[in-house]
Amino acid sequence: MDLNTEKSNGILIAAPEGRIDGINALQFQQALNEKIDDSVSGVVIDMSDLNYVSSAGLRAVLLISKALQQREARLVLCALQAPIREVFQISGFDQIIDISEDREAAIASISG
């Protein structure tokens, strides 16, 4: 898993590539948490290049979301491929984490 990040107007945009599974979920979570500082008002995780997420990956996303909520910042996922979207729907995570169709919509929902 590779993780590309950029900041724009207080929003951290993270784009993981490949897989988030039991082997690298903690690494993903830590790498993202290291990028979140006081200037970040929200995080967009662009999943367009992610082709697999395991339950460990779901847990990492949930923990990132909870950490952001404590800081009164938002997390929005976007561009989920069909198999990834299905995992989020089956697990019910789509009910507790905001999901947008694309990066622009995700940024707009945080910017308000």
C-alpha atoms as a PDB file:
ATOM      1  CA  MET A   1       0.000   0.000   0.000  1.00  0.00           C
ATOM      2  CA  ASP A   2       1.237   3.438  -0.972  1.00  0.00           C
ATOM      3  CA  LEU A   3      -0.263   6.582   0.530  1.00  0.00           C
ATOM      4  CA  ASN A   4      -0.155   9.866  -1.344  1.00  0.00           C
ATOM      5  CA  THR A   5      -1.236  12.992   0.528  1.00  0.00           C
ATOM      6  CA  GLU A   6      -1.734  16.667  -0.193  1.00  0.00           C
ATOM      7  CA  LYS A   7      -3.267  19.596   1.681  1.00  0.00           C
ATOM      8  CA  SER A   8      -5.605  22.159   0.220  1.00  0.00           C
ATOM      9  CA  ASN A   9      -7.330  24.918   2.225  1.00  0.00           C
ATOM     10  CA  GLY A  10      -7.086  23.010   5.506  1.00  0.00           C
ATOM     11  CA  ILE A  11      -8.273  19.731   4.016  1.00  0.00           C
ATOM     12  CA  LEU A  12      -5.927  16.758   3.953  1.00  0.00           C
ATOM     13  CA  ILE A  13      -6.480  14.576   0.910  1.00  0.00           C
ATOM     14  CA  ALA A  14      -5.130  11.044   1.230  1.00  0.00           C
ATOM     15  CA  ALA A  15      -5.083   8.564  -1.634  1.00  0.00           C
ATOM     16  CA  PRO A  16      -4.112   5.018  -0.659  1.00  0.00           C
ATOM     17  CA  GLU A  17      -3.179   2.633  -3.455  1.00  0.00           C
ATOM     18  CA  GLY A  18      -3.452  -1.151  -3.504  1.00  0.00           C
ATOM     19  CA  ARG A  19      -4.685  -2.888  -0.365  1.00  0.00           C
ATOM     20  CA  ILE A  20      -5.388  -2.025   3.245  1.00  0.00           C
ATOM     21  CA  ASP A  21      -5.323  -5.283   5.170  1.00  0.00           C
ATOM     22  CA  GLY A  22      -4.079  -6.862   8.383  1.00  0.00           C
ATOM     23  CA  ILE A  23      -0.484  -6.476   7.280  1.00  0.00           C
ATOM     24  CA  ASN A  24      -0.518  -2.719   6.699  1.00  0.00           C
ATOM     25  CA  ALA A  25      -3.682  -1.291   8.317  1.00  0.00           C
ATOM     26  CA  LEU A  26      -1.803   0.015  11.353  1.00  0.00           C
ATOM     27  CA  GLN A  27       0.855   1.532   9.091  1.00  0.00           C
ATOM     28  CA  PHE A  28      -1.902   3.260   7.075  1.00  0.00           C
ATOM     29  CA  GLN A  29      -3.546   4.596  10.231  1.00  0.00           C
ATOM     30  CA  GLN A  30      -0.272   5.878  11.685  1.00  0.00           C
ATOM     31  CA  ALA A  31       0.854   7.455   8.410  1.00  0.00           C
ATOM     32  CA  LEU A  32      -2.430   9.320   8.101  1.00  0.00           C
ATOM     33  CA  ASN A  33      -2.479  10.392  11.755  1.00  0.00           C
ATOM     34  CA  GLU A  34       1.031  11.821  11.361  1.00  0.00           C
ATOM     35  CA  LYS A  35      -0.239  14.096   8.573  1.00  0.00           C
ATOM     36  CA  ILE A  36      -3.164  15.444  10.626  1.00  0.00           C
ATOM     37  CA  ASP A  37      -2.187  18.591  12.490  1.00  0.00           C
ATOM     38  CA  ASP A  38      -4.077  21.528  13.980  1.00  0.00           C
ATOM     39  CA  SER A  39      -4.449  23.183  10.578  1.00  0.00           C
ATOM     40  CA  VAL A  40      -6.542  20.266   9.253  1.00  0.00           C
ATOM     41  CA  SER A  41     -10.303  20.853   9.325  1.00  0.00           C
ATOM     42  CA  GLY A  42     -11.147  17.663   7.469  1.00  0.00           C
ATOM     43  CA  VAL A  43      -9.749  14.613   5.749  1.00  0.00           C
ATOM     44  CA  VAL A  44     -10.779  13.170   2.403  1.00  0.00           C
ATOM     45  CA  ILE A  45      -9.690   9.606   1.695  1.00  0.00           C
ATOM     46  CA  ASP A  46      -9.815   9.096  -2.059  1.00  0.00           C
ATOM     47  CA  MET A  47     -10.199   5.356  -2.563  1.00  0.00           C
ATOM     48  CA  SER A  48     -10.154   5.345  -6.362  1.00  0.00           C
ATOM     49  CA  ASP A  49      -6.857   3.400  -6.427  1.00  0.00           C
ATOM     50  CA  LEU A  50      -7.715   1.078  -3.541  1.00  0.00           C
ATOM     51  CA  ASN A  51      -8.667  -2.419  -4.689  1.00  0.00           C
ATOM     52  CA  TYR A  52      -9.075  -4.224  -1.341  1.00  0.00           C
ATOM     53  CA  VAL A  53      -9.900  -3.388   2.262  1.00  0.00           C
ATOM     54  CA  SER A  54     -10.083  -5.967   5.053  1.00  0.00           C
ATOM     55  CA  SER A  55     -11.779  -5.729   8.443  1.00  0.00           C
ATOM     56  CA  ALA A  56      -8.458  -4.427   9.812  1.00  0.00           C
ATOM     57  CA  GLY A  57      -8.604  -1.682   7.188  1.00  0.00           C
ATOM     58  CA  LEU A  58     -12.178  -0.847   8.181  1.00  0.00           C
ATOM     59  CA  ARG A  59     -11.063  -0.604  11.804  1.00  0.00           C
ATOM     60  CA  ALA A  60      -8.241   1.777  10.840  1.00  0.00           C
ATOM     61  CA  VAL A  61     -10.697   4.021   8.966  1.00  0.00           C
ATOM     62  CA  LEU A  62     -13.082   3.983  11.943  1.00  0.00           C
ATOM     63  CA  LEU A  63     -10.299   4.909  14.384  1.00  0.00           C
ATOM     64  CA  ILE A  64      -9.182   7.755  12.125  1.00  0.00           C
ATOM     65  CA  SER A  65     -12.790   8.970  11.974  1.00  0.00           C
ATOM     66  CA  LYS A  66     -13.148   8.890  15.769  1.00  0.00           C
ATOM     67  CA  ALA A  67      -9.855  10.748  16.264  1.00  0.00           C
ATOM     68  CA  LEU A  68     -11.022  13.435  13.838  1.00  0.00           C
ATOM     69  CA  GLN A  69     -14.396  13.747  15.581  1.00  0.00           C
ATOM     70  CA  GLN A  70     -12.600  14.447  18.863  1.00  0.00           C
ATOM     71  CA  ARG A  71     -10.815  17.316  17.101  1.00  0.00           C
ATOM     72  CA  GLU A  72     -14.110  18.501  15.572  1.00  0.00           C
ATOM     73  CA  ALA A  73     -12.808  17.674  12.099  1.00  0.00           C
ATOM     74  CA  ARG A  74     -14.602  15.590   9.473  1.00  0.00           C
ATOM     75  CA  LEU A  75     -13.719  12.497   7.485  1.00  0.00           C
ATOM     76  CA  VAL A  76     -15.215  11.865   4.055  1.00  0.00           C
ATOM     77  CA  LEU A  77     -14.409   8.886   1.851  1.00  0.00           C
ATOM     78  CA  CYS A  78     -14.776   9.143  -1.892  1.00  0.00           C
ATOM     79  CA  ALA A  79     -14.448   7.289  -5.185  1.00  0.00           C
ATOM     80  CA  LEU A  80     -15.039   3.821  -3.739  1.00  0.00           C
ATOM     81  CA  GLN A  81     -14.842   1.061  -6.342  1.00  0.00           C
ATOM     82  CA  ALA A  82     -17.822  -1.318  -6.304  1.00  0.00           C
ATOM     83  CA  PRO A  83     -16.178  -4.092  -4.203  1.00  0.00           C
ATOM     84  CA  ILE A  84     -14.939  -1.556  -1.630  1.00  0.00           C
ATOM     85  CA  ARG A  85     -18.329   0.168  -1.484  1.00  0.00           C
ATOM     86  CA  GLU A  86     -19.955  -3.219  -0.906  1.00  0.00           C
ATOM     87  CA  VAL A  87     -17.643  -3.914   2.060  1.00  0.00           C
ATOM     88  CA  PHE A  88     -18.610  -0.563   3.596  1.00  0.00           C
ATOM     89  CA  GLN A  89     -22.314  -1.242   2.994  1.00  0.00           C
ATOM     90  CA  ILE A  90     -22.265  -4.803   4.375  1.00  0.00           C
ATOM     91  CA  SER A  91     -20.357  -3.671   7.475  1.00  0.00           C
ATOM     92  CA  GLY A  92     -22.705  -0.721   7.995  1.00  0.00           C
ATOM     93  CA  PHE A  93     -19.787   1.708   7.918  1.00  0.00           C
ATOM     94  CA  ASP A  94     -21.524   3.651   5.151  1.00  0.00           C
ATOM     95  CA  GLN A  95     -24.062   4.669   7.818  1.00  0.00           C
ATOM     96  CA  ILE A  96     -21.446   6.143  10.171  1.00  0.00           C
ATOM     97  CA  ILE A  97     -18.823   7.529   7.784  1.00  0.00           C
ATOM     98  CA  ASP A  98     -19.646  10.042   5.068  1.00  0.00           C
ATOM     99  CA  ILE A  99     -19.076   8.790   1.522  1.00  0.00           C
ATOM    100  CA  SER A 100     -19.061  10.999  -1.585  1.00  0.00           C
ATOM    101  CA  GLU A 101     -18.988  10.012  -5.239  1.00  0.00           C
ATOM    102  CA  ASP A 102     -15.785  11.874  -6.074  1.00  0.00           C
ATOM    103  CA  ARG A 103     -13.008  14.012  -4.624  1.00  0.00           C
ATOM    104  CA  GLU A 104     -14.663  17.325  -5.550  1.00  0.00           C
ATOM    105  CA  ALA A 105     -17.930  16.395  -3.822  1.00  0.00           C
ATOM    106  CA  ALA A 106     -16.033  15.207  -0.733  1.00  0.00           C
ATOM    107  CA  ILE A 107     -14.082  18.461  -0.497  1.00  0.00           C
ATOM    108  CA  ALA A 108     -17.286  20.465  -0.998  1.00  0.00           C
ATOM    109  CA  SER A 109     -19.060  18.569   1.807  1.00  0.00           C
ATOM    110  CA  ILE A 110     -16.249  19.429   4.237  1.00  0.00           C
ATOM    111  CA  SER A 111     -15.909  23.024   3.067  1.00  0.00           C
ATOM    112  CA  GLY A 112     -19.638  23.452   3.491  1.00  0.00           C
END
